[in-house]
Amino acid sequence: MPPTVADLGEERLLARIFPILPAGDSTLLGPGDDAAVIAAPDGRFVVSTDVLVQDRHFRLDWSDGRAVGRRAAAQNLADIAAMGARPTAMVVSLVLPGELPVSWVTDLAQGLADLCGPVGAGVVGGDLSGGDAVVVAVTVHGDLAGRAPVLRSGARPGDVVALAGTVGRSAAGWALLSDGALTEADDELIEVFRAPRPPLDAGPRAADAGATAMLDVSDGLLRDAGRIARASGVVLDLGRPEQVLTDDLAAVAGAAHRLGIDPVGWVLTGGEDHGLLATFPESTPVPAGFRVIGRVRSAESAPGVLVDGRAPGALSPGWDHFGG
């Protein structure tokens, strides 16, 4: 039988993990001491944290360790990119059942390395604990490189609303896995659910181009657009999905037809593709990788989101960690 976490114990398990993890371009002292040391030449650092819980965010029969590692890295790196920063370092704490195969954990480390390595971010430490289910808790740091952070509160009437990355695919992948009637045509959608591919380079590009507001679309386009609207005191008027989200609708149309679901719902409310939603002054060219999907308008009554000039109606606004 393959060795389990309990067979190796903490020190031998760490000895398997550390060689897989990237050191990072900004790491002055990596794993091995009580804490890591990371360079911060800007004098500031951006920090965010997130957690993945087995059977809440992933299932072991749906995703292997590498996919979970990629997903954990993606959602955290996307938060740094959404501030206009470059990721520099990550620490990862794991809760692991003793019967979990060691190979699953080393695969998770490889998944973290798959995304952190190419952007120069080190995985520089963390913690291990035993438990009844797998939990992956990640804290990530980033460097603004002299930029002002891009907040949610800067959108102004007259700005354009632009999106980098995709929407709807992860929600479609989850629905397909839940239904169980899979075909080869579904592979891309399922892969986006298992291991999203956020447009990390687009965040600093947006900041350099003068983005007035930005966030990571993690909980659905409507819900996250609403967060910018409320923080900025404006209305985000998104265009008709059939016109501004054509590629996203086309990508999920086949699966939606088979499952009897309106694909517009996936595209507007499905989360965890981890694209970037930003606003830019109308006079500013939208940077490469972004597409204009709407306009910022004054809030005549209350801040909020419109779709083609109208309230989105009965559509659920998106994912909520306590409401589903």
Protein backbone atom coordinates (compact mmCIF):
# COMPACT_ATOMS: atom_id res chain seq x y z
CA MET A 1 0.00 0.00 0.00
CA PRO A 2 1.24 3.53 -0.70
CA PRO A 3 2.46 5.43 2.38
CA THR A 4 0.03 7.67 4.21
CA VAL A 5 0.50 10.92 6.08
CA ALA A 6 0.41 8.98 9.36
CA ASP A 7 3.14 6.62 8.12
CA LEU A 8 5.60 9.46 7.51
CA GLY A 9 4.85 11.94 10.27
CA GLU A 10 5.40 15.68 10.11
CA GLU A 11 9.16 15.99 9.55
CA ARG A 12 9.42 13.34 6.87
CA LEU A 13 6.33 14.70 5.13
CA LEU A 14 7.83 18.19 5.06
CA ALA A 15 11.01 16.72 3.64
CA ARG A 16 8.94 15.41 0.73
CA ILE A 17 7.13 18.73 0.19
CA PHE A 18 9.85 21.39 0.45
CA PRO A 19 11.91 20.36 -2.61
CA ILE A 20 8.80 20.73 -4.81
CA LEU A 21 7.98 24.29 -3.77
CA PRO A 22 9.43 27.34 -5.58
CA ALA A 23 11.76 29.61 -3.59
CA GLY A 24 10.47 32.86 -5.13
CA ASP A 25 12.26 35.91 -6.47
CA SER A 26 11.79 37.97 -3.29
CA THR A 27 12.65 35.32 -0.70
CA LEU A 28 15.62 36.16 1.54
CA LEU A 29 15.08 33.24 3.93
CA GLY A 30 12.81 30.32 3.09
CA PRO A 31 11.51 27.33 5.06
CA GLY A 32 13.55 25.90 7.92
CA ASP A 33 13.43 28.56 10.62
CA ASP A 34 10.53 29.82 12.71
CA ALA A 35 9.57 32.32 10.00
CA ALA A 36 10.53 33.28 6.47
CA VAL A 37 12.02 36.62 5.42
CA ILE A 38 10.73 38.31 2.27
CA ALA A 39 12.11 41.43 0.63
CA ALA A 40 9.72 44.39 0.44
CA PRO A 41 11.61 47.06 -1.54
CA ASP A 42 8.42 49.11 -2.00
CA GLY A 43 8.20 49.58 1.77
CA ARG A 44 4.66 48.15 1.72
CA PHE A 45 3.26 44.71 1.08
CA VAL A 46 -0.16 43.47 0.01
CA VAL A 47 -1.57 40.54 1.98
CA SER A 48 -4.63 38.31 1.56
CA THR A 49 -5.77 34.97 2.88
CA ASP A 50 -8.23 32.28 1.85
CA VAL A 51 -9.22 28.76 2.81
CA LEU A 52 -10.40 25.62 1.01
CA VAL A 53 -12.37 23.00 2.93
CA GLN A 54 -12.92 19.44 1.76
CA ASP A 55 -16.52 18.76 0.68
CA ARG A 56 -17.26 22.48 0.82
CA HIS A 57 -14.91 23.76 -1.88
CA PHE A 58 -13.60 20.52 -3.39
CA ARG A 59 -14.17 16.79 -3.25
CA LEU A 60 -11.46 14.15 -3.24
CA ASP A 61 -13.39 12.09 -5.80
CA TRP A 62 -13.58 15.10 -8.15
CA SER A 63 -10.14 16.68 -7.77
CA ASP A 64 -6.68 15.22 -7.25
CA GLY A 65 -4.11 16.93 -5.05
CA ARG A 66 -2.50 18.83 -7.90
CA ALA A 67 -5.82 20.38 -8.93
CA VAL A 68 -6.56 21.43 -5.35
CA GLY A 69 -3.10 22.98 -5.08
CA ARG A 70 -3.60 24.90 -8.30
CA ARG A 71 -7.01 26.07 -7.15
CA ALA A 72 -5.69 27.21 -3.76
CA ALA A 73 -2.91 29.14 -5.45
CA ALA A 74 -5.16 30.62 -8.12
CA GLN A 75 -7.75 32.14 -5.82
CA ASN A 76 -5.11 33.72 -3.59
CA LEU A 77 -2.85 34.98 -6.37
CA ALA A 78 -5.92 36.53 -8.04
CA ASP A 79 -6.60 38.62 -4.93
CA ILE A 80 -3.10 40.08 -5.12
CA ALA A 81 -3.45 40.78 -8.85
CA ALA A 82 -6.78 42.52 -8.19
CA MET A 83 -4.95 45.11 -6.08
CA GLY A 84 -2.59 45.84 -8.98
CA ALA A 85 0.28 44.00 -7.29
CA ARG A 86 2.67 41.20 -8.18
CA PRO A 87 2.60 38.11 -5.90
CA THR A 88 5.84 37.51 -4.01
CA ALA A 89 5.32 34.87 -1.33
CA MET A 90 2.82 32.40 0.05
CA VAL A 91 2.49 30.43 3.27
CA VAL A 92 0.26 27.36 3.36
CA SER A 93 -1.23 25.58 6.37
CA LEU A 94 -2.69 22.11 5.91
CA VAL A 95 -5.08 20.02 7.98
CA LEU A 96 -4.65 16.42 6.86
CA PRO A 97 -6.33 13.13 7.83
CA GLY A 98 -3.77 10.52 8.80
CA GLU A 99 -5.02 8.06 6.15
CA LEU A 100 -4.49 10.52 3.29
CA PRO A 101 -1.86 9.20 0.84
CA VAL A 102 1.44 11.06 0.88
CA SER A 103 1.25 11.25 -2.91
CA TRP A 104 -1.88 13.41 -2.64
CA VAL A 105 0.01 15.93 -0.50
CA THR A 106 3.06 16.04 -2.78
CA ASP A 107 0.70 16.48 -5.73
CA LEU A 108 -0.87 19.44 -3.92
CA ALA A 109 2.60 20.94 -3.48
CA GLN A 110 3.19 20.51 -7.21
CA GLY A 111 -0.09 22.27 -7.95
CA LEU A 112 0.99 25.23 -5.81
CA ALA A 113 4.31 25.29 -7.65
CA ASP A 114 2.59 25.19 -11.05
CA LEU A 115 1.10 28.65 -10.48
CA CYS A 116 3.55 30.25 -8.05
CA GLY A 117 6.72 29.38 -9.92
CA PRO A 118 5.93 31.18 -13.19
CA VAL A 119 5.02 34.45 -11.42
CA GLY A 120 8.07 34.40 -9.15
CA ALA A 121 6.16 33.79 -5.92
CA GLY A 122 7.77 31.56 -3.30
CA VAL A 123 5.96 29.09 -1.09
CA VAL A 124 8.00 29.85 2.00
CA GLY A 125 6.39 28.01 4.92
CA GLY A 126 3.19 27.23 6.76
CA ASP A 127 1.95 24.62 9.21
CA LEU A 128 0.68 21.04 9.38
CA SER A 129 -2.05 19.62 11.60
CA GLY A 130 -4.08 16.45 11.75
CA GLY A 131 -7.84 16.46 11.34
CA ASP A 132 -10.86 14.64 9.96
CA ALA A 133 -10.94 16.47 6.60
CA VAL A 134 -8.49 18.25 4.34
CA VAL A 135 -8.26 22.00 4.85
CA VAL A 136 -5.91 24.20 2.82
CA ALA A 137 -5.37 27.67 4.31
CA VAL A 138 -3.25 30.08 2.29
CA THR A 139 -1.86 33.53 3.01
CA VAL A 140 -0.23 35.36 0.11
CA HIS A 141 1.84 38.54 -0.08
CA GLY A 142 2.43 40.88 -2.99
CA ASP A 143 4.50 43.86 -4.09
CA LEU A 144 2.96 47.05 -5.48
CA ALA A 145 6.29 48.17 -7.01
CA GLY A 146 5.52 51.82 -6.35
CA ARG A 147 1.92 51.71 -7.60
CA ALA A 148 -1.06 52.92 -5.64
CA PRO A 149 -3.30 49.95 -4.74
CA VAL A 150 -6.43 49.68 -6.88
CA LEU A 151 -9.41 49.68 -4.53
CA ARG A 152 -13.07 48.81 -4.99
CA SER A 153 -14.09 52.34 -4.09
CA GLY A 154 -12.67 54.32 -7.00
CA ALA A 155 -15.22 53.80 -9.80
CA ARG A 156 -16.72 57.05 -11.09
CA PRO A 157 -19.68 57.85 -13.38
CA GLY A 158 -18.52 57.78 -16.97
CA ASP A 159 -15.96 55.00 -16.43
CA VAL A 160 -16.13 51.87 -18.53
CA VAL A 161 -16.48 48.45 -16.89
CA ALA A 162 -14.08 45.82 -18.23
CA LEU A 163 -13.42 42.14 -17.57
CA ALA A 164 -10.24 40.10 -17.91
CA GLY A 165 -10.54 36.32 -17.91
CA THR A 166 -13.72 34.28 -18.05
CA VAL A 167 -17.03 33.88 -16.22
CA GLY A 168 -19.45 30.97 -16.05
CA ARG A 169 -17.10 28.11 -16.83
CA SER A 170 -16.39 27.08 -13.23
CA ALA A 171 -20.11 27.07 -12.38
CA ALA A 172 -20.77 24.92 -15.44
CA GLY A 173 -18.00 22.53 -14.43
CA TRP A 174 -19.44 22.15 -10.94
CA ALA A 175 -22.91 21.48 -12.36
CA LEU A 176 -21.55 18.85 -14.75
CA LEU A 177 -19.65 17.05 -12.01
CA SER A 178 -22.73 17.14 -9.79
CA ASP A 179 -24.88 15.72 -12.59
CA GLY A 180 -22.34 13.02 -13.44
CA ALA A 181 -23.24 12.78 -17.15
CA LEU A 182 -19.88 13.90 -18.54
CA THR A 183 -18.54 13.96 -22.09
CA GLU A 184 -15.15 14.86 -23.55
CA ALA A 185 -16.61 18.20 -24.59
CA ASP A 186 -16.96 19.05 -20.89
CA ASP A 187 -13.25 18.69 -20.08
CA GLU A 188 -12.40 22.40 -20.29
CA LEU A 189 -15.30 23.45 -18.06
CA ILE A 190 -14.48 20.83 -15.47
CA GLU A 191 -10.82 21.83 -15.50
CA VAL A 192 -11.71 25.48 -14.84
CA PHE A 193 -13.75 24.38 -11.81
CA ARG A 194 -10.97 22.13 -10.53
CA ALA A 195 -8.08 24.49 -11.24
CA PRO A 196 -9.00 28.04 -12.35
CA ARG A 197 -6.62 30.05 -14.54
CA PRO A 198 -6.83 33.69 -13.40
CA PRO A 199 -5.28 36.38 -15.64
CA LEU A 200 -2.64 37.35 -13.07
CA ASP A 201 -0.62 39.62 -15.35
CA ALA A 202 -3.73 41.67 -16.09
CA GLY A 203 -3.86 43.14 -12.58
CA PRO A 204 -0.62 45.14 -12.68
CA ARG A 205 -1.36 46.09 -16.31
CA ALA A 206 -4.72 47.48 -15.25
CA ALA A 207 -3.12 49.47 -12.44
CA ASP A 208 -0.51 50.90 -14.82
CA ALA A 209 -3.29 51.81 -17.27
CA GLY A 210 -5.14 53.86 -14.65
CA ALA A 211 -7.83 51.46 -13.38
CA THR A 212 -10.08 53.30 -10.95
CA ALA A 213 -11.45 50.16 -9.22
CA MET A 214 -10.83 46.43 -9.46
CA LEU A 215 -11.58 43.11 -7.79
CA ASP A 216 -11.28 39.37 -8.30
CA VAL A 217 -14.53 37.84 -9.58
CA SER A 218 -14.75 34.98 -7.11
CA ASP A 219 -18.43 34.97 -6.13
CA GLY A 220 -20.16 35.75 -9.43
CA LEU A 221 -20.17 38.74 -11.77
CA LEU A 222 -23.36 40.30 -10.36
CA ARG A 223 -22.36 39.91 -6.72
CA ASP A 224 -18.83 41.23 -7.24
CA ALA A 225 -19.94 44.07 -9.51
CA GLY A 226 -22.30 45.01 -6.69
CA ARG A 227 -19.35 45.22 -4.31
CA ILE A 228 -17.65 47.80 -6.53
CA ALA A 229 -20.95 49.66 -6.92
CA ARG A 230 -21.58 49.90 -3.18
CA ALA A 231 -17.99 50.77 -2.31
CA SER A 232 -17.93 53.50 -4.98
CA GLY A 233 -21.51 54.75 -4.53
CA VAL A 234 -22.36 54.19 -8.21
CA VAL A 235 -24.31 51.93 -10.53
CA LEU A 236 -22.52 49.43 -12.77
CA ASP A 237 -24.65 48.97 -15.88
CA LEU A 238 -23.50 45.79 -17.60
CA GLY A 239 -24.36 45.24 -21.25
CA ARG A 240 -26.56 42.48 -22.61
CA PRO A 241 -24.73 39.18 -21.98
CA GLU A 242 -25.41 38.05 -25.56
CA GLN A 243 -23.41 41.07 -26.76
CA VAL A 244 -20.64 41.58 -24.18
CA LEU A 245 -20.13 38.02 -22.87
CA THR A 246 -20.53 36.17 -26.16
CA ASP A 247 -17.51 33.89 -25.78
CA ASP A 248 -18.46 32.92 -22.23
CA LEU A 249 -22.00 32.02 -23.28
CA ALA A 250 -20.69 30.00 -26.23
CA ALA A 251 -18.30 28.07 -23.99
CA VAL A 252 -21.08 26.87 -21.67
CA ALA A 253 -23.99 26.66 -24.13
CA GLY A 254 -23.67 22.95 -24.89
CA ALA A 255 -23.52 21.91 -21.26
CA ALA A 256 -26.39 24.22 -20.36
CA HIS A 257 -28.55 22.75 -23.11
CA ARG A 258 -27.91 19.19 -21.93
CA LEU A 259 -28.71 20.08 -18.31
CA GLY A 260 -31.70 22.26 -19.18
CA ILE A 261 -30.15 25.37 -17.65
CA ASP A 262 -30.13 28.95 -18.92
CA PRO A 263 -26.42 29.68 -19.61
CA VAL A 264 -26.93 33.36 -18.78
CA GLY A 265 -27.37 32.37 -15.14
CA TRP A 266 -23.98 30.67 -15.07
CA VAL A 267 -22.27 33.60 -16.75
CA LEU A 268 -23.80 36.31 -14.54
CA THR A 269 -23.86 34.52 -11.18
CA GLY A 270 -21.36 31.64 -11.34
CA GLY A 271 -18.22 32.20 -9.28
CA GLU A 272 -14.65 30.93 -9.04
CA ASP A 273 -13.36 31.56 -12.55
CA HIS A 274 -11.29 34.28 -10.83
CA GLY A 275 -11.32 36.82 -13.63
CA LEU A 276 -10.67 40.48 -12.86
CA LEU A 277 -13.40 43.11 -13.03
CA ALA A 278 -12.14 46.68 -13.34
CA THR A 279 -13.28 50.17 -14.19
CA PHE A 280 -11.30 52.65 -16.30
CA PRO A 281 -11.78 56.29 -17.27
CA GLU A 282 -13.57 56.48 -20.61
CA SER A 283 -10.60 58.27 -22.16
CA THR A 284 -8.15 55.54 -21.10
CA PRO A 285 -7.45 52.69 -23.54
CA VAL A 286 -8.46 49.42 -21.90
CA PRO A 287 -5.28 47.33 -21.51
CA ALA A 288 -4.65 44.07 -23.32
CA GLY A 289 -6.63 41.15 -21.93
CA PHE A 290 -9.63 43.26 -20.87
CA ARG A 291 -12.92 43.65 -22.74
CA VAL A 292 -15.48 46.35 -22.08
CA ILE A 293 -18.73 44.92 -20.71
CA GLY A 294 -20.53 47.96 -19.32
CA ARG A 295 -20.53 51.52 -18.03
CA VAL A 296 -20.49 53.22 -14.64
CA ARG A 297 -23.46 55.50 -14.02
CA SER A 298 -24.52 57.81 -11.21
CA ALA A 299 -26.62 56.24 -8.48
CA GLU A 300 -29.87 58.16 -8.58
CA SER A 301 -31.29 56.24 -5.64
CA ALA A 302 -29.04 53.44 -4.38
CA PRO A 303 -25.80 51.90 -5.66
CA GLY A 304 -26.21 48.63 -7.50
CA VAL A 305 -25.94 46.66 -10.72
CA LEU A 306 -28.04 46.77 -13.86
CA VAL A 307 -27.97 44.43 -16.85
CA ASP A 308 -28.71 46.25 -20.11
CA GLY A 309 -30.22 49.12 -18.12
CA ARG A 310 -32.53 46.95 -16.03
CA ALA A 311 -32.44 45.24 -12.65
CA PRO A 312 -31.30 41.62 -13.01
CA GLY A 313 -34.63 40.34 -11.75
CA ALA A 314 -34.93 36.88 -10.27
CA LEU A 315 -31.29 35.91 -10.88
CA SER A 316 -29.44 34.95 -7.71
CA PRO A 317 -26.68 37.51 -7.17
CA GLY A 318 -23.99 34.82 -6.81
CA TRP A 319 -22.17 32.63 -4.33
CA ASP A 320 -22.29 33.22 -0.58
CA HIS A 321 -20.10 31.14 1.75
CA PHE A 322 -22.90 30.72 4.29
CA GLY A 323 -25.94 30.84 2.03
CA GLY A 324 -24.59 28.77 -0.91
